[in-house]
Amino acid sequence: MAYATQTQSLSGNVFAAVSAFFAELSEATERRRVYKKTYAELATLSARELSDIGLSKANIGAIAYEAAYK
């Protein structure tokens, strides 16, 4: 009786998976940094300054989210 065996190299797949994980982690870290920086900068503005650019204090979180994640 003949048997066929198939051997796959997992080292390439593991390396690709680890590399993809760290790339996603880096991207998530960068997006979070953009969110925090945008939020902090807008939070320092007064209500009048925000009004001048068409925003309110209630919009800061949404604007920061949009800047980072969209």
PDB file of N, CA and C in Angstrom:
ATOM      1  N   MET A   1       0.835  -1.165   0.000  1.00  0.00           N
ATOM      2  CA  MET A   1       0.000   0.000   0.000  1.00  0.00           C
ATOM      3  C   MET A   1       0.888   1.237   0.000  1.00  0.00           C
ATOM      4  N   ALA A   2       0.496   2.245  -0.765  1.00  0.00           N
ATOM      5  CA  ALA A   2       1.275   3.477  -0.855  1.00  0.00           C
ATOM      6  C   ALA A   2       0.593   4.571  -0.041  1.00  0.00           C
ATOM      7  N   TYR A   3       1.396   5.367   0.587  1.00  0.00           N
ATOM      8  CA  TYR A   3       0.890   6.480   1.381  1.00  0.00           C
ATOM      9  C   TYR A   3       1.479   7.786   0.846  1.00  0.00           C
ATOM     10  N   ALA A   4       0.653   8.766   0.788  1.00  0.00           N
ATOM     11  CA  ALA A   4       1.135  10.096   0.388  1.00  0.00           C
ATOM     12  C   ALA A   4       1.174  10.973   1.630  1.00  0.00           C
ATOM     13  N   THR A   5       2.258  11.651   1.786  1.00  0.00           N
ATOM     14  CA  THR A   5       2.369  12.567   2.932  1.00  0.00           C
ATOM     15  C   THR A   5       2.580  13.981   2.416  1.00  0.00           C
ATOM     16  N   GLN A   6       2.074  14.894   3.153  1.00  0.00           N
ATOM     17  CA  GLN A   6       2.215  16.298   2.773  1.00  0.00           C
ATOM     18  C   GLN A   6       2.872  17.023   3.939  1.00  0.00           C
ATOM     19  N   THR A   7       3.935  17.714   3.642  1.00  0.00           N
ATOM     20  CA  THR A   7       4.654  18.448   4.674  1.00  0.00           C
ATOM     21  C   THR A   7       4.567  19.932   4.350  1.00  0.00           C
ATOM     22  N   GLN A   8       4.150  20.694   5.345  1.00  0.00           N
ATOM     23  CA  GLN A   8       4.079  22.137   5.160  1.00  0.00           C
ATOM     24  C   GLN A   8       5.052  22.807   6.104  1.00  0.00           C
ATOM     25  N   SER A   9       5.585  23.878   5.642  1.00  0.00           N
ATOM     26  CA  SER A   9       6.481  24.658   6.476  1.00  0.00           C
ATOM     27  C   SER A   9       5.658  25.665   7.276  1.00  0.00           C
ATOM     28  N   LEU A  10       5.646  25.492   8.577  1.00  0.00           N
ATOM     29  CA  LEU A  10       4.890  26.404   9.430  1.00  0.00           C
ATOM     30  C   LEU A  10       5.671  27.657   9.779  1.00  0.00           C
ATOM     31  N   SER A  11       6.971  27.601   9.638  1.00  0.00           N
ATOM     32  CA  SER A  11       7.777  28.759  10.040  1.00  0.00           C
ATOM     33  C   SER A  11       7.414  29.997   9.225  1.00  0.00           C
ATOM     34  N   GLY A  12       7.127  29.849   7.958  1.00  0.00           N
ATOM     35  CA  GLY A  12       6.731  30.996   7.142  1.00  0.00           C
ATOM     36  C   GLY A  12       5.380  31.529   7.554  1.00  0.00           C
ATOM     37  N   ASN A  13       4.436  30.645   7.849  1.00  0.00           N
ATOM     38  CA  ASN A  13       3.108  31.061   8.279  1.00  0.00           C
ATOM     39  C   ASN A  13       3.140  31.728   9.637  1.00  0.00           C
ATOM     40  N   VAL A  14       3.940  31.196  10.543  1.00  0.00           N
ATOM     41  CA  VAL A  14       4.042  31.773  11.887  1.00  0.00           C
ATOM     42  C   VAL A  14       4.675  33.154  11.802  1.00  0.00           C
ATOM     43  N   PHE A  15       5.731  33.257  11.014  1.00  0.00           N
ATOM     44  CA  PHE A  15       6.393  34.553  10.861  1.00  0.00           C
ATOM     45  C   PHE A  15       5.428  35.588  10.270  1.00  0.00           C
ATOM     46  N   ALA A  16       4.647  35.198   9.277  1.00  0.00           N
ATOM     47  CA  ALA A  16       3.687  36.115   8.660  1.00  0.00           C
ATOM     48  C   ALA A  16       2.615  36.525   9.669  1.00  0.00           C
ATOM     49  N   ALA A  17       2.158  35.579  10.472  1.00  0.00           N
ATOM     50  CA  ALA A  17       1.130  35.889  11.471  1.00  0.00           C
ATOM     51  C   ALA A  17       1.666  36.835  12.546  1.00  0.00           C
ATOM     52  N   VAL A  18       2.869  36.583  13.013  1.00  0.00           N
ATOM     53  CA  VAL A  18       3.472  37.448  14.032  1.00  0.00           C
ATOM     54  C   VAL A  18       3.734  38.833  13.451  1.00  0.00           C
ATOM     55  N   SER A  19       4.212  38.868  12.236  1.00  0.00           N
ATOM     56  CA  SER A  19       4.466  40.142  11.570  1.00  0.00           C
ATOM     57  C   SER A  19       3.172  40.933  11.390  1.00  0.00           C
ATOM     58  N   ALA A  20       2.105  40.262  10.988  1.00  0.00           N
ATOM     59  CA  ALA A  20       0.805  40.928  10.822  1.00  0.00           C
ATOM     60  C   ALA A  20       0.282  41.430  12.159  1.00  0.00           C
ATOM     61  N   PHE A  21       0.468  40.648  13.213  1.00  0.00           N
ATOM     62  CA  PHE A  21       0.024  41.063  14.549  1.00  0.00           C
ATOM     63  C   PHE A  21       0.711  42.359  14.964  1.00  0.00           C
ATOM     64  N   PHE A  22       2.034  42.418  14.791  1.00  0.00           N
ATOM     65  CA  PHE A  22       2.761  43.613  15.202  1.00  0.00           C
ATOM     66  C   PHE A  22       2.435  44.811  14.309  1.00  0.00           C
ATOM     67  N   ALA A  23       2.148  44.575  13.049  1.00  0.00           N
ATOM     68  CA  ALA A  23       1.735  45.665  12.163  1.00  0.00           C
ATOM     69  C   ALA A  23       0.391  46.230  12.617  1.00  0.00           C
ATOM     70  N   GLU A  24      -0.558  45.361  12.968  1.00  0.00           N
ATOM     71  CA  GLU A  24      -1.861  45.810  13.459  1.00  0.00           C
ATOM     72  C   GLU A  24      -1.723  46.533  14.791  1.00  0.00           C
ATOM     73  N   LEU A  25      -0.858  46.027  15.656  1.00  0.00           N
ATOM     74  CA  LEU A  25      -0.623  46.663  16.947  1.00  0.00           C
ATOM     75  C   LEU A  25      -0.034  48.059  16.761  1.00  0.00           C
ATOM     76  N   SER A  26       0.893  48.187  15.847  1.00  0.00           N
ATOM     77  CA  SER A  26       1.504  49.482  15.560  1.00  0.00           C
ATOM     78  C   SER A  26       0.470  50.467  15.013  1.00  0.00           C
ATOM     79  N   GLU A  27      -0.378  49.986  14.116  1.00  0.00           N
ATOM     80  CA  GLU A  27      -1.416  50.841  13.542  1.00  0.00           C
ATOM     81  C   GLU A  27      -2.419  51.280  14.617  1.00  0.00           C
ATOM     82  N   ALA A  28      -2.800  50.369  15.483  1.00  0.00           N
ATOM     83  CA  ALA A  28      -3.739  50.701  16.557  1.00  0.00           C
ATOM     84  C   ALA A  28      -3.128  51.716  17.518  1.00  0.00           C
ATOM     85  N   THR A  29      -1.850  51.553  17.812  1.00  0.00           N
ATOM     86  CA  THR A  29      -1.157  52.489  18.697  1.00  0.00           C
ATOM     87  C   THR A  29      -1.105  53.878  18.076  1.00  0.00           C
ATOM     88  N   GLU A  30      -0.824  53.945  16.796  1.00  0.00           N
ATOM     89  CA  GLU A  30      -0.766  55.236  16.100  1.00  0.00           C
ATOM     90  C   GLU A  30      -2.137  55.900  16.070  1.00  0.00           C
ATOM     91  N   ARG A  31      -3.179  55.131  15.795  1.00  0.00           N
ATOM     92  CA  ARG A  31      -4.536  55.697  15.783  1.00  0.00           C
ATOM     93  C   ARG A  31      -4.913  56.225  17.159  1.00  0.00           C
ATOM     94  N   ARG A  32      -4.578  55.496  18.200  1.00  0.00           N
ATOM     95  CA  ARG A  32      -4.872  55.943  19.559  1.00  0.00           C
ATOM     96  C   ARG A  32      -4.118  57.225  19.882  1.00  0.00           C
ATOM     97  N   ARG A  33      -2.870  57.324  19.411  1.00  0.00           N
ATOM     98  CA  ARG A  33      -2.079  58.531  19.637  1.00  0.00           C
ATOM     99  C   ARG A  33      -2.733  59.729  18.967  1.00  0.00           C
ATOM    100  N   VAL A  34      -3.209  59.545  17.736  1.00  0.00           N
ATOM    101  CA  VAL A  34      -3.888  60.629  17.013  1.00  0.00           C
ATOM    102  C   VAL A  34      -5.149  61.039  17.756  1.00  0.00           C
ATOM    103  N   TYR A  35      -5.921  60.054  18.245  1.00  0.00           N
ATOM    104  CA  TYR A  35      -7.148  60.361  18.991  1.00  0.00           C
ATOM    105  C   TYR A  35      -6.832  61.198  20.223  1.00  0.00           C
ATOM    106  N   LYS A  36      -5.878  60.731  21.023  1.00  0.00           N
ATOM    107  CA  LYS A  36      -5.547  61.424  22.261  1.00  0.00           C
ATOM    108  C   LYS A  36      -5.016  62.830  22.011  1.00  0.00           C
ATOM    109  N   LYS A  37      -4.184  62.986  20.976  1.00  0.00           N
ATOM    110  CA  LYS A  37      -3.619  64.305  20.668  1.00  0.00           C
ATOM    111  C   LYS A  37      -4.712  65.258  20.201  1.00  0.00           C
ATOM    112  N   THR A  38      -5.583  64.792  19.317  1.00  0.00           N
ATOM    113  CA  THR A  38      -6.674  65.630  18.820  1.00  0.00           C
ATOM    114  C   THR A  38      -7.600  66.023  19.961  1.00  0.00           C
ATOM    115  N   TYR A  39      -7.955  65.060  20.801  1.00  0.00           N
ATOM    116  CA  TYR A  39      -8.840  65.337  21.932  1.00  0.00           C
ATOM    117  C   TYR A  39      -8.205  66.368  22.864  1.00  0.00           C
ATOM    118  N   ALA A  40      -6.938  66.175  23.192  1.00  0.00           N
ATOM    119  CA  ALA A  40      -6.247  67.084  24.104  1.00  0.00           C
ATOM    120  C   ALA A  40      -6.180  68.499  23.540  1.00  0.00           C
ATOM    121  N   GLU A  41      -5.885  68.613  22.256  1.00  0.00           N
ATOM    122  CA  GLU A  41      -5.790  69.942  21.650  1.00  0.00           C
ATOM    123  C   GLU A  41      -7.142  70.649  21.629  1.00  0.00           C
ATOM    124  N   LEU A  42      -8.196  69.930  21.298  1.00  0.00           N
ATOM    125  CA  LEU A  42      -9.523  70.547  21.275  1.00  0.00           C
ATOM    126  C   LEU A  42     -10.018  70.863  22.686  1.00  0.00           C
ATOM    127  N   ALA A  43      -9.663  70.043  23.650  1.00  0.00           N
ATOM    128  CA  ALA A  43     -10.100  70.259  25.027  1.00  0.00           C
ATOM    129  C   ALA A  43      -9.488  71.515  25.640  1.00  0.00           C
ATOM    130  N   THR A  44      -8.357  71.965  25.106  1.00  0.00           N
ATOM    131  CA  THR A  44      -7.732  73.175  25.655  1.00  0.00           C
ATOM    132  C   THR A  44      -8.401  74.452  25.155  1.00  0.00           C
ATOM    133  N   LEU A  45      -9.217  74.346  24.105  1.00  0.00           N
ATOM    134  CA  LEU A  45      -9.887  75.532  23.570  1.00  0.00           C
ATOM    135  C   LEU A  45     -11.071  75.926  24.441  1.00  0.00           C
ATOM    136  N   SER A  46     -11.303  77.218  24.497  1.00  0.00           N
ATOM    137  CA  SER A  46     -12.456  77.710  25.257  1.00  0.00           C
ATOM    138  C   SER A  46     -13.738  77.466  24.451  1.00  0.00           C
ATOM    139  N   ALA A  47     -14.873  77.635  25.121  1.00  0.00           N
ATOM    140  CA  ALA A  47     -16.167  77.462  24.447  1.00  0.00           C
ATOM    141  C   ALA A  47     -16.298  78.458  23.298  1.00  0.00           C
ATOM    142  N   ARG A  48     -15.789  79.642  23.479  1.00  0.00           N
ATOM    143  CA  ARG A  48     -15.867  80.663  22.421  1.00  0.00           C
ATOM    144  C   ARG A  48     -15.010  80.275  21.218  1.00  0.00           C
ATOM    145  N   GLU A  49     -13.801  79.805  21.477  1.00  0.00           N
ATOM    146  CA  GLU A  49     -12.927  79.388  20.385  1.00  0.00           C
ATOM    147  C   GLU A  49     -13.534  78.206  19.628  1.00  0.00           C
ATOM    148  N   LEU A  50     -14.107  77.268  20.358  1.00  0.00           N
ATOM    149  CA  LEU A  50     -14.769  76.135  19.712  1.00  0.00           C
ATOM    150  C   LEU A  50     -15.951  76.617  18.874  1.00  0.00           C
ATOM    151  N   SER A  51     -16.701  77.562  19.412  1.00  0.00           N
ATOM    152  CA  SER A  51     -17.850  78.113  18.687  1.00  0.00           C
ATOM    153  C   SER A  51     -17.400  78.793  17.393  1.00  0.00           C
ATOM    154  N   ASP A  52     -16.255  79.449  17.449  1.00  0.00           N
ATOM    155  CA  ASP A  52     -15.728  80.121  16.252  1.00  0.00           C
ATOM    156  C   ASP A  52     -15.441  79.142  15.116  1.00  0.00           C
ATOM    157  N   ILE A  53     -15.078  77.920  15.458  1.00  0.00           N
ATOM    158  CA  ILE A  53     -14.795  76.922  14.413  1.00  0.00           C
ATOM    159  C   ILE A  53     -15.962  75.960  14.216  1.00  0.00           C
ATOM    160  N   GLY A  54     -17.089  76.275  14.840  1.00  0.00           N
ATOM    161  CA  GLY A  54     -18.302  75.505  14.609  1.00  0.00           C
ATOM    162  C   GLY A  54     -18.429  74.232  15.432  1.00  0.00           C
ATOM    163  N   LEU A  55     -17.776  74.189  16.592  1.00  0.00           N
ATOM    164  CA  LEU A  55     -17.823  73.013  17.460  1.00  0.00           C
ATOM    165  C   LEU A  55     -18.320  73.396  18.847  1.00  0.00           C
ATOM    166  N   SER A  56     -18.625  72.378  19.632  1.00  0.00           N
ATOM    167  CA  SER A  56     -18.937  72.595  21.040  1.00  0.00           C
ATOM    168  C   SER A  56     -18.162  71.563  21.851  1.00  0.00           C
ATOM    169  N   LYS A  57     -18.153  71.745  23.168  1.00  0.00           N
ATOM    170  CA  LYS A  57     -17.439  70.796  24.031  1.00  0.00           C
ATOM    171  C   LYS A  57     -17.977  69.375  23.860  1.00  0.00           C
ATOM    172  N   ALA A  58     -19.269  69.252  23.581  1.00  0.00           N
ATOM    173  CA  ALA A  58     -19.880  67.936  23.415  1.00  0.00           C
ATOM    174  C   ALA A  58     -19.386  67.211  22.162  1.00  0.00           C
ATOM    175  N   ASN A  59     -18.854  67.933  21.194  1.00  0.00           N
ATOM    176  CA  ASN A  59     -18.393  67.344  19.937  1.00  0.00           C
ATOM    177  C   ASN A  59     -16.951  66.864  19.971  1.00  0.00           C
ATOM    178  N   ILE A  60     -16.214  67.180  21.001  1.00  0.00           N
ATOM    179  CA  ILE A  60     -14.775  66.914  21.009  1.00  0.00           C
ATOM    180  C   ILE A  60     -14.468  65.424  20.824  1.00  0.00           C
ATOM    181  N   GLY A  61     -15.136  64.570  21.559  1.00  0.00           N
ATOM    182  CA  GLY A  61     -14.874  63.129  21.448  1.00  0.00           C
ATOM    183  C   GLY A  61     -15.167  62.589  20.063  1.00  0.00           C
ATOM    184  N   ALA A  62     -16.275  63.026  19.480  1.00  0.00           N
ATOM    185  CA  ALA A  62     -16.652  62.554  18.141  1.00  0.00           C
ATOM    186  C   ALA A  62     -15.670  63.044  17.088  1.00  0.00           C
ATOM    187  N   ILE A  63     -15.242  64.279  17.211  1.00  0.00           N
ATOM    188  CA  ILE A  63     -14.281  64.842  16.250  1.00  0.00           C
ATOM    189  C   ILE A  63     -12.942  64.109  16.363  1.00  0.00           C
ATOM    190  N   ALA A  64     -12.479  63.857  17.575  1.00  0.00           N
ATOM    191  CA  ALA A  64     -11.212  63.141  17.773  1.00  0.00           C
ATOM    192  C   ALA A  64     -11.302  61.718  17.226  1.00  0.00           C
ATOM    193  N   TYR A  65     -12.444  61.059  17.445  1.00  0.00           N
ATOM    194  CA  TYR A  65     -12.644  59.708  16.924  1.00  0.00           C
ATOM    195  C   TYR A  65     -12.598  59.710  15.404  1.00  0.00           C
ATOM    196  N   GLU A  66     -13.269  60.665  14.813  1.00  0.00           N
ATOM    197  CA  GLU A  66     -13.313  60.760  13.344  1.00  0.00           C
ATOM    198  C   GLU A  66     -11.920  61.014  12.775  1.00  0.00           C
ATOM    199  N   ALA A  67     -11.140  61.837  13.453  1.00  0.00           N
ATOM    200  CA  ALA A  67      -9.776  62.136  12.999  1.00  0.00           C
ATOM    201  C   ALA A  67      -8.887  60.892  13.026  1.00  0.00           C
ATOM    202  N   ALA A  68      -9.102  60.050  13.996  1.00  0.00           N
ATOM    203  CA  ALA A  68      -8.208  58.900  14.170  1.00  0.00           C
ATOM    204  C   ALA A  68      -8.679  57.634  13.457  1.00  0.00           C
ATOM    205  N   TYR A  69      -9.965  57.404  13.425  1.00  0.00           N
ATOM    206  CA  TYR A  69     -10.464  56.105  12.976  1.00  0.00           C
ATOM    207  C   TYR A  69     -11.213  56.109  11.661  1.00  0.00           C
ATOM    208  N   LYS A  70     -11.374  57.230  11.030  1.00  0.00           N
ATOM    209  CA  LYS A  70     -12.101  57.244   9.758  1.00  0.00           C
ATOM    210  C   LYS A  70     -11.235  57.718   8.645  1.00  0.00           C
TER     211      LYS A  70
END
